[in-house]
Amino acid sequence: MSKEDLIPINKRTKDEQKEITTKGGLASGAARRKKRDLKQKIKWLYDLAPTNDQIKQIVDNLPIELDDVDNELVEIIGLHNSASRGNHKAFITLQEYAGNIIPRNIKLTGDMNNYNFDMTEKLQKLSVDELRALANGKPKTKRRGA
């Protein structure tokens, strides 16, 4: 189907418009019910009591009362453990739950091969202190008039 085959809704008969909008409404309702049911299932899982091994690990390692341990806490600790092993998605999820804003879609531009000076010559002119500052990510700037 190409773009030319599409007919705008206002170019259709009233009966065709009604049929299309009815189908869309039914599909929308089905999608909302599916999403609602998924949320309910997740809530049921959170309401279940965690296993004894999970409770023991949490109570032994954290200053939390036994009554405060639920499956949600177990999952948060699981996310933390996964993030601490280097799982970036787990880290992002934890940061978002904590309310921290994580920058997305950062675009870096530039061409490392397009420079108009001899880097070796410039580096040779730097003092030891200036080279150390560059290596530490803090280039020294010269003050005017000093």
C-alpha atoms as a PDB file:
ATOM      1  CA  MET A   1       0.000   0.000   0.000  1.00  0.00           C
ATOM      2  CA  SER A   2       1.449   3.335  -1.003  1.00  0.00           C
ATOM      3  CA  LYS A   3       0.687   6.797   0.286  1.00  0.00           C
ATOM      4  CA  GLU A   4      -1.403   7.486  -2.807  1.00  0.00           C
ATOM      5  CA  ASP A   5      -3.733   4.591  -1.880  1.00  0.00           C
ATOM      6  CA  LEU A   6      -4.695   6.279   1.396  1.00  0.00           C
ATOM      7  CA  ILE A   7      -7.977   8.137   1.353  1.00  0.00           C
ATOM      8  CA  PRO A   8      -8.486  11.021   3.822  1.00  0.00           C
ATOM      9  CA  ILE A   9     -11.301  10.377   6.315  1.00  0.00           C
ATOM     10  CA  ASN A  10     -13.232  13.444   5.139  1.00  0.00           C
ATOM     11  CA  LYS A  11     -13.319  12.030   1.572  1.00  0.00           C
ATOM     12  CA  ARG A  12     -15.163   8.902   2.719  1.00  0.00           C
ATOM     13  CA  THR A  13     -18.905   8.349   3.110  1.00  0.00           C
ATOM     14  CA  LYS A  14     -20.521   8.775   6.527  1.00  0.00           C
ATOM     15  CA  ASP A  15     -20.963   4.993   6.846  1.00  0.00           C
ATOM     16  CA  GLU A  16     -17.281   4.360   6.050  1.00  0.00           C
ATOM     17  CA  GLN A  17     -16.213   7.020   8.561  1.00  0.00           C
ATOM     18  CA  LYS A  18     -18.418   5.473  11.248  1.00  0.00           C
ATOM     19  CA  GLU A  19     -17.054   1.973  10.576  1.00  0.00           C
ATOM     20  CA  ILE A  20     -13.421   3.170  10.711  1.00  0.00           C
ATOM     21  CA  THR A  21     -13.886   5.152  13.928  1.00  0.00           C
ATOM     22  CA  THR A  22     -15.774   2.245  15.533  1.00  0.00           C
ATOM     23  CA  LYS A  23     -12.893  -0.137  14.742  1.00  0.00           C
ATOM     24  CA  GLY A  24     -10.407   2.383  16.120  1.00  0.00           C
ATOM     25  CA  GLY A  25     -12.414   2.833  19.314  1.00  0.00           C
ATOM     26  CA  LEU A  26     -12.671  -0.924  19.858  1.00  0.00           C
ATOM     27  CA  ALA A  27      -8.923  -1.398  19.298  1.00  0.00           C
ATOM     28  CA  SER A  28      -8.154   1.489  21.664  1.00  0.00           C
ATOM     29  CA  GLY A  29     -10.374  -0.013  24.378  1.00  0.00           C
ATOM     30  CA  ALA A  30      -8.725  -3.420  23.963  1.00  0.00           C
ATOM     31  CA  ALA A  31      -5.253  -1.870  24.279  1.00  0.00           C
ATOM     32  CA  ARG A  32      -6.268   0.065  27.422  1.00  0.00           C
ATOM     33  CA  ARG A  33      -7.731  -3.086  29.012  1.00  0.00           C
ATOM     34  CA  LYS A  34      -4.567  -5.054  28.204  1.00  0.00           C
ATOM     35  CA  LYS A  35      -2.396  -2.351  29.785  1.00  0.00           C
ATOM     36  CA  ARG A  36      -4.676  -2.178  32.846  1.00  0.00           C
ATOM     37  CA  ASP A  37      -4.549  -5.975  33.262  1.00  0.00           C
ATOM     38  CA  LEU A  38      -0.744  -5.975  33.051  1.00  0.00           C
ATOM     39  CA  LYS A  39      -0.534  -3.310  35.764  1.00  0.00           C
ATOM     40  CA  GLN A  40      -2.883  -5.380  37.946  1.00  0.00           C
ATOM     41  CA  LYS A  41      -0.751  -8.512  37.491  1.00  0.00           C
ATOM     42  CA  ILE A  42       2.378  -6.604  38.466  1.00  0.00           C
ATOM     43  CA  LYS A  43       0.577  -5.249  41.544  1.00  0.00           C
ATOM     44  CA  TRP A  44      -0.421  -8.800  42.518  1.00  0.00           C
ATOM     45  CA  LEU A  45       3.203  -9.919  42.242  1.00  0.00           C
ATOM     46  CA  TYR A  46       4.326  -7.019  44.423  1.00  0.00           C
ATOM     47  CA  ASP A  47       1.703  -7.935  47.007  1.00  0.00           C
ATOM     48  CA  LEU A  48       3.025 -11.495  47.326  1.00  0.00           C
ATOM     49  CA  ALA A  49       5.309 -12.186  50.245  1.00  0.00           C
ATOM     50  CA  PRO A  50       8.979 -12.558  49.278  1.00  0.00           C
ATOM     51  CA  THR A  51      10.725 -15.868  49.878  1.00  0.00           C
ATOM     52  CA  ASN A  52      12.615 -16.504  53.114  1.00  0.00           C
ATOM     53  CA  ASP A  53      15.992 -16.353  51.321  1.00  0.00           C
ATOM     54  CA  GLN A  54      15.170 -12.940  49.878  1.00  0.00           C
ATOM     55  CA  ILE A  55      13.990 -11.627  53.257  1.00  0.00           C
ATOM     56  CA  LYS A  56      17.064 -12.976  55.042  1.00  0.00           C
ATOM     57  CA  GLN A  57      19.434 -11.323  52.561  1.00  0.00           C
ATOM     58  CA  ILE A  58      17.691  -7.949  52.872  1.00  0.00           C
ATOM     59  CA  VAL A  59      17.213  -7.895  56.633  1.00  0.00           C
ATOM     60  CA  ASP A  60      20.791  -9.033  57.239  1.00  0.00           C
ATOM     61  CA  ASN A  61      22.344  -6.395  54.958  1.00  0.00           C
ATOM     62  CA  LEU A  62      20.105  -3.346  55.325  1.00  0.00           C
ATOM     63  CA  PRO A  63      18.652  -1.385  58.234  1.00  0.00           C
ATOM     64  CA  ILE A  64      15.098  -2.405  57.322  1.00  0.00           C
ATOM     65  CA  GLU A  65      12.415  -3.923  59.497  1.00  0.00           C
ATOM     66  CA  LEU A  66      11.121  -7.370  58.550  1.00  0.00           C
ATOM     67  CA  ASP A  67       7.591  -6.016  57.998  1.00  0.00           C
ATOM     68  CA  ASP A  68       8.847  -3.464  55.450  1.00  0.00           C
ATOM     69  CA  VAL A  69      10.261  -6.087  53.073  1.00  0.00           C
ATOM     70  CA  ASP A  70       8.073  -6.707  50.025  1.00  0.00           C
ATOM     71  CA  ASN A  71       8.638  -7.901  46.457  1.00  0.00           C
ATOM     72  CA  GLU A  72       9.011  -4.339  45.225  1.00  0.00           C
ATOM     73  CA  LEU A  73      11.986  -3.852  47.536  1.00  0.00           C
ATOM     74  CA  VAL A  74      13.423  -7.201  46.418  1.00  0.00           C
ATOM     75  CA  GLU A  75      13.213  -6.046  42.780  1.00  0.00           C
ATOM     76  CA  ILE A  76      14.784  -2.678  43.551  1.00  0.00           C
ATOM     77  CA  ILE A  77      17.695  -4.447  45.242  1.00  0.00           C
ATOM     78  CA  GLY A  78      17.938  -6.761  42.221  1.00  0.00           C
ATOM     79  CA  LEU A  79      18.105  -3.719  39.924  1.00  0.00           C
ATOM     80  CA  HIS A  80      20.783  -2.206  42.143  1.00  0.00           C
ATOM     81  CA  ASN A  81      22.834  -5.404  42.089  1.00  0.00           C
ATOM     82  CA  SER A  82      22.504  -5.610  38.316  1.00  0.00           C
ATOM     83  CA  ALA A  83      23.467  -1.942  37.891  1.00  0.00           C
ATOM     84  CA  SER A  84      26.499  -2.375  40.137  1.00  0.00           C
ATOM     85  CA  ARG A  85      27.676  -5.212  37.858  1.00  0.00           C
ATOM     86  CA  GLY A  86      27.564  -2.823  34.881  1.00  0.00           C
ATOM     87  CA  ASN A  87      24.021  -3.211  33.506  1.00  0.00           C
ATOM     88  CA  HIS A  88      23.396   0.254  32.045  1.00  0.00           C
ATOM     89  CA  LYS A  89      19.637  -0.253  31.600  1.00  0.00           C
ATOM     90  CA  ALA A  90      19.266  -1.198  35.269  1.00  0.00           C
ATOM     91  CA  PHE A  91      21.225   1.915  36.232  1.00  0.00           C
ATOM     92  CA  ILE A  92      19.008   4.165  34.080  1.00  0.00           C
ATOM     93  CA  THR A  93      15.858   2.560  35.526  1.00  0.00           C
ATOM     94  CA  LEU A  94      17.040   3.121  39.100  1.00  0.00           C
ATOM     95  CA  GLN A  95      17.967   6.731  38.350  1.00  0.00           C
ATOM     96  CA  GLU A  96      14.551   7.393  36.814  1.00  0.00           C
ATOM     97  CA  TYR A  97      12.772   5.834  39.820  1.00  0.00           C
ATOM     98  CA  ALA A  98      14.881   8.009  42.103  1.00  0.00           C
ATOM     99  CA  GLY A  99      13.753  11.095  40.180  1.00  0.00           C
ATOM    100  CA  ASN A 100      17.115  11.882  38.617  1.00  0.00           C
ATOM    101  CA  ILE A 101      17.061  13.184  35.078  1.00  0.00           C
ATOM    102  CA  ILE A 102      19.313  11.248  32.751  1.00  0.00           C
ATOM    103  CA  PRO A 103      20.299  13.106  29.566  1.00  0.00           C
ATOM    104  CA  ARG A 104      19.367  11.203  26.426  1.00  0.00           C
ATOM    105  CA  ASN A 105      20.296  11.553  22.779  1.00  0.00           C
ATOM    106  CA  ILE A 106      23.470  13.512  23.367  1.00  0.00           C
ATOM    107  CA  LYS A 107      25.024  14.351  20.024  1.00  0.00           C
ATOM    108  CA  LEU A 108      28.734  15.012  19.768  1.00  0.00           C
ATOM    109  CA  THR A 109      30.023  16.605  16.607  1.00  0.00           C
ATOM    110  CA  GLY A 110      33.441  17.263  15.243  1.00  0.00           C
ATOM    111  CA  ASP A 111      36.176  15.673  13.196  1.00  0.00           C
ATOM    112  CA  MET A 112      39.298  14.480  14.966  1.00  0.00           C
ATOM    113  CA  ASN A 113      41.173  14.360  11.649  1.00  0.00           C
ATOM    114  CA  ASN A 114      40.397  17.947  10.708  1.00  0.00           C
ATOM    115  CA  TYR A 115      42.806  20.214  12.537  1.00  0.00           C
ATOM    116  CA  ASN A 116      45.028  22.936  11.192  1.00  0.00           C
ATOM    117  CA  PHE A 117      48.018  22.816  13.521  1.00  0.00           C
ATOM    118  CA  ASP A 118      50.861  20.515  14.454  1.00  0.00           C
ATOM    119  CA  MET A 119      49.865  18.919  17.782  1.00  0.00           C
ATOM    120  CA  THR A 120      53.398  17.735  18.538  1.00  0.00           C
ATOM    121  CA  GLU A 121      54.769  21.253  18.286  1.00  0.00           C
ATOM    122  CA  LYS A 122      52.052  22.631  20.567  1.00  0.00           C
ATOM    123  CA  LEU A 123      52.601  19.897  23.180  1.00  0.00           C
ATOM    124  CA  GLN A 124      56.347  20.471  23.192  1.00  0.00           C
ATOM    125  CA  LYS A 125      55.764  24.101  24.127  1.00  0.00           C
ATOM    126  CA  LEU A 126      53.759  23.186  27.257  1.00  0.00           C
ATOM    127  CA  SER A 127      55.354  23.081  30.682  1.00  0.00           C
ATOM    128  CA  VAL A 128      55.261  19.983  32.899  1.00  0.00           C
ATOM    129  CA  ASP A 129      52.526  21.567  35.043  1.00  0.00           C
ATOM    130  CA  GLU A 130      50.429  22.353  31.972  1.00  0.00           C
ATOM    131  CA  LEU A 131      50.805  18.784  30.688  1.00  0.00           C
ATOM    132  CA  ARG A 132      49.765  17.403  34.087  1.00  0.00           C
ATOM    133  CA  ALA A 133      46.726  19.701  34.113  1.00  0.00           C
ATOM    134  CA  LEU A 134      45.723  18.513  30.630  1.00  0.00           C
ATOM    135  CA  ALA A 135      46.141  14.867  31.655  1.00  0.00           C
ATOM    136  CA  ASN A 136      43.844  15.487  34.634  1.00  0.00           C
ATOM    137  CA  GLY A 137      41.243  17.178  32.447  1.00  0.00           C
ATOM    138  CA  LYS A 138      41.874  20.650  33.851  1.00  0.00           C
ATOM    139  CA  PRO A 139      43.805  22.752  31.353  1.00  0.00           C
ATOM    140  CA  LYS A 140      45.491  25.760  32.886  1.00  0.00           C
ATOM    141  CA  THR A 141      44.515  29.057  31.357  1.00  0.00           C
ATOM    142  CA  LYS A 142      46.840  32.009  31.353  1.00  0.00           C
ATOM    143  CA  ARG A 143      45.532  35.161  32.972  1.00  0.00           C
ATOM    144  CA  ARG A 144      45.734  38.361  31.055  1.00  0.00           C
ATOM    145  CA  GLY A 145      48.127  40.852  32.509  1.00  0.00           C
ATOM    146  CA  ALA A 146      49.835  38.318  34.763  1.00  0.00           C
END
